[in-house]
Amino acid sequence: MNDDRQIRRKVEIAMEPVELHKILKFENLAASGGEAKFRIQDGQVRVNGQTETRKRRKIRHGDVIETPEAILTIVKSNPLIDGSDQICF
């Protein structure tokens, strides 16, 4: 799944944990929650290098999510300081 064409970006979360399917949906890696859940069950998503099939897998700071399109690194944001335009969960 590791490909030079994959987009690499950080995803900031304000609270832990966040369910895997929600991150895929909000990061536009799936058009809907249903599509996100399908992609996970279909084995199209890896977390920390391992294929993940649990839709509600709890994602925390430091986790790395890989799809054919993107590699997402999860970082904990400081909601008092965070002035970014990224979506914070």
C-alpha atoms as a PDB file:
ATOM      1  CA  MET A   1       0.000   0.000   0.000  1.00  0.00           C
ATOM      2  CA  ASN A   2       2.982   2.301   0.443  1.00  0.00           C
ATOM      3  CA  ASP A   3       3.203   4.312  -2.783  1.00  0.00           C
ATOM      4  CA  ASP A   4       4.934   7.544  -3.744  1.00  0.00           C
ATOM      5  CA  ARG A   5       1.614   8.842  -5.095  1.00  0.00           C
ATOM      6  CA  GLN A   6      -0.065   8.669  -1.697  1.00  0.00           C
ATOM      7  CA  ILE A   7      -0.867  11.971  -0.037  1.00  0.00           C
ATOM      8  CA  ARG A   8       0.833  12.303   3.344  1.00  0.00           C
ATOM      9  CA  ARG A   9      -0.703  14.537   5.972  1.00  0.00           C
ATOM     10  CA  LYS A  10      -1.234  15.013   9.674  1.00  0.00           C
ATOM     11  CA  VAL A  11      -4.694  14.807  11.183  1.00  0.00           C
ATOM     12  CA  GLU A  12      -5.163  16.662  14.435  1.00  0.00           C
ATOM     13  CA  ILE A  13      -7.564  15.287  17.011  1.00  0.00           C
ATOM     14  CA  ALA A  14      -8.644  17.203  20.093  1.00  0.00           C
ATOM     15  CA  MET A  15     -10.074  14.192  21.934  1.00  0.00           C
ATOM     16  CA  GLU A  16      -9.058  10.552  22.062  1.00  0.00           C
ATOM     17  CA  PRO A  17     -10.055   8.041  20.924  1.00  0.00           C
ATOM     18  CA  VAL A  18     -11.755   8.584  17.537  1.00  0.00           C
ATOM     19  CA  GLU A  19     -13.311   5.724  15.589  1.00  0.00           C
ATOM     20  CA  LEU A  20     -11.470   4.820  12.403  1.00  0.00           C
ATOM     21  CA  HIS A  21     -14.457   5.128  10.060  1.00  0.00           C
ATOM     22  CA  LYS A  22     -15.087   8.710  11.231  1.00  0.00           C
ATOM     23  CA  ILE A  23     -11.559   9.778  10.349  1.00  0.00           C
ATOM     24  CA  LEU A  24     -11.860   8.297   6.846  1.00  0.00           C
ATOM     25  CA  LYS A  25     -15.143  10.119   6.317  1.00  0.00           C
ATOM     26  CA  PHE A  26     -13.999  13.509   7.620  1.00  0.00           C
ATOM     27  CA  GLU A  27     -10.712  13.330   5.745  1.00  0.00           C
ATOM     28  CA  ASN A  28     -12.641  12.738   2.490  1.00  0.00           C
ATOM     29  CA  LEU A  29     -11.207   9.270   1.967  1.00  0.00           C
ATOM     30  CA  ALA A  30     -14.785   7.974   1.801  1.00  0.00           C
ATOM     31  CA  ALA A  31     -17.918   9.713   0.518  1.00  0.00           C
ATOM     32  CA  SER A  32     -19.993   8.507   3.456  1.00  0.00           C
ATOM     33  CA  GLY A  33     -19.798   6.634   6.715  1.00  0.00           C
ATOM     34  CA  GLY A  34     -21.150   3.568   4.957  1.00  0.00           C
ATOM     35  CA  GLU A  35     -18.421   3.710   2.332  1.00  0.00           C
ATOM     36  CA  ALA A  36     -15.785   4.173   5.042  1.00  0.00           C
ATOM     37  CA  LYS A  37     -17.055   1.087   6.871  1.00  0.00           C
ATOM     38  CA  PHE A  38     -17.093  -0.922   3.629  1.00  0.00           C
ATOM     39  CA  ARG A  39     -13.499   0.052   2.785  1.00  0.00           C
ATOM     40  CA  ILE A  40     -12.366  -1.002   6.264  1.00  0.00           C
ATOM     41  CA  GLN A  41     -14.201  -4.349   6.160  1.00  0.00           C
ATOM     42  CA  ASP A  42     -12.866  -4.937   2.650  1.00  0.00           C
ATOM     43  CA  GLY A  43      -9.267  -4.722   3.918  1.00  0.00           C
ATOM     44  CA  GLN A  44      -8.413  -1.468   2.131  1.00  0.00           C
ATOM     45  CA  VAL A  45      -7.159   0.265   5.303  1.00  0.00           C
ATOM     46  CA  ARG A  46      -4.090  -0.349   7.451  1.00  0.00           C
ATOM     47  CA  VAL A  47      -3.391   1.030  10.915  1.00  0.00           C
ATOM     48  CA  ASN A  48       0.213   1.044  12.090  1.00  0.00           C
ATOM     49  CA  GLY A  49       1.179  -1.282   9.234  1.00  0.00           C
ATOM     50  CA  GLN A  50      -1.495  -3.919   9.930  1.00  0.00           C
ATOM     51  CA  THR A  51      -4.627  -4.477   7.848  1.00  0.00           C
ATOM     52  CA  GLU A  52      -7.562  -3.308   9.957  1.00  0.00           C
ATOM     53  CA  THR A  53     -11.087  -4.673   9.510  1.00  0.00           C
ATOM     54  CA  ARG A  54     -12.690  -3.263  12.670  1.00  0.00           C
ATOM     55  CA  LYS A  55     -14.811  -0.249  11.692  1.00  0.00           C
ATOM     56  CA  ARG A  56     -14.842   1.143  15.189  1.00  0.00           C
ATOM     57  CA  ARG A  57     -11.128   0.687  15.824  1.00  0.00           C
ATOM     58  CA  LYS A  58     -10.122   3.357  18.333  1.00  0.00           C
ATOM     59  CA  ILE A  59      -7.526   5.707  16.861  1.00  0.00           C
ATOM     60  CA  ARG A  60      -5.163   7.625  19.119  1.00  0.00           C
ATOM     61  CA  HIS A  61      -2.244  10.050  18.925  1.00  0.00           C
ATOM     62  CA  GLY A  62       0.671   8.471  17.102  1.00  0.00           C
ATOM     63  CA  ASP A  63      -1.365   6.032  14.993  1.00  0.00           C
ATOM     64  CA  VAL A  64      -0.712   5.936  11.245  1.00  0.00           C
ATOM     65  CA  ILE A  65      -3.611   5.169   8.898  1.00  0.00           C
ATOM     66  CA  GLU A  66      -2.872   4.048   5.337  1.00  0.00           C
ATOM     67  CA  THR A  67      -5.236   3.818   2.382  1.00  0.00           C
ATOM     68  CA  PRO A  68      -4.374   3.515  -1.309  1.00  0.00           C
ATOM     69  CA  GLU A  69      -4.783   7.316  -1.569  1.00  0.00           C
ATOM     70  CA  ALA A  70      -3.243   8.643   1.640  1.00  0.00           C
ATOM     71  CA  ILE A  71      -1.085   8.128   4.688  1.00  0.00           C
ATOM     72  CA  LEU A  72      -2.470   9.920   7.742  1.00  0.00           C
ATOM     73  CA  THR A  73      -0.477  10.500  10.908  1.00  0.00           C
ATOM     74  CA  ILE A  74      -2.667  11.218  13.915  1.00  0.00           C
ATOM     75  CA  VAL A  75      -1.499  13.955  16.264  1.00  0.00           C
ATOM     76  CA  LYS A  76      -3.123  15.339  19.382  1.00  0.00           C
ATOM     77  CA  SER A  77      -3.919  19.019  19.091  1.00  0.00           C
ATOM     78  CA  ASN A  78      -4.002  21.533  21.875  1.00  0.00           C
ATOM     79  CA  PRO A  79      -7.498  23.006  21.498  1.00  0.00           C
ATOM     80  CA  LEU A  80      -6.478  26.178  23.345  1.00  0.00           C
ATOM     81  CA  ILE A  81      -3.653  26.926  20.921  1.00  0.00           C
ATOM     82  CA  ASP A  82      -4.796  25.233  17.717  1.00  0.00           C
ATOM     83  CA  GLY A  83      -5.397  27.849  15.068  1.00  0.00           C
ATOM     84  CA  SER A  84      -5.146  25.556  12.074  1.00  0.00           C
ATOM     85  CA  ASP A  85      -7.820  25.070   9.476  1.00  0.00           C
ATOM     86  CA  GLN A  86      -7.728  21.303   9.876  1.00  0.00           C
ATOM     87  CA  ILE A  87     -10.706  19.362  11.132  1.00  0.00           C
ATOM     88  CA  CYS A  88     -10.272  18.491  14.794  1.00  0.00           C
ATOM     89  CA  PHE A  89     -12.242  15.619  16.299  1.00  0.00           C
END
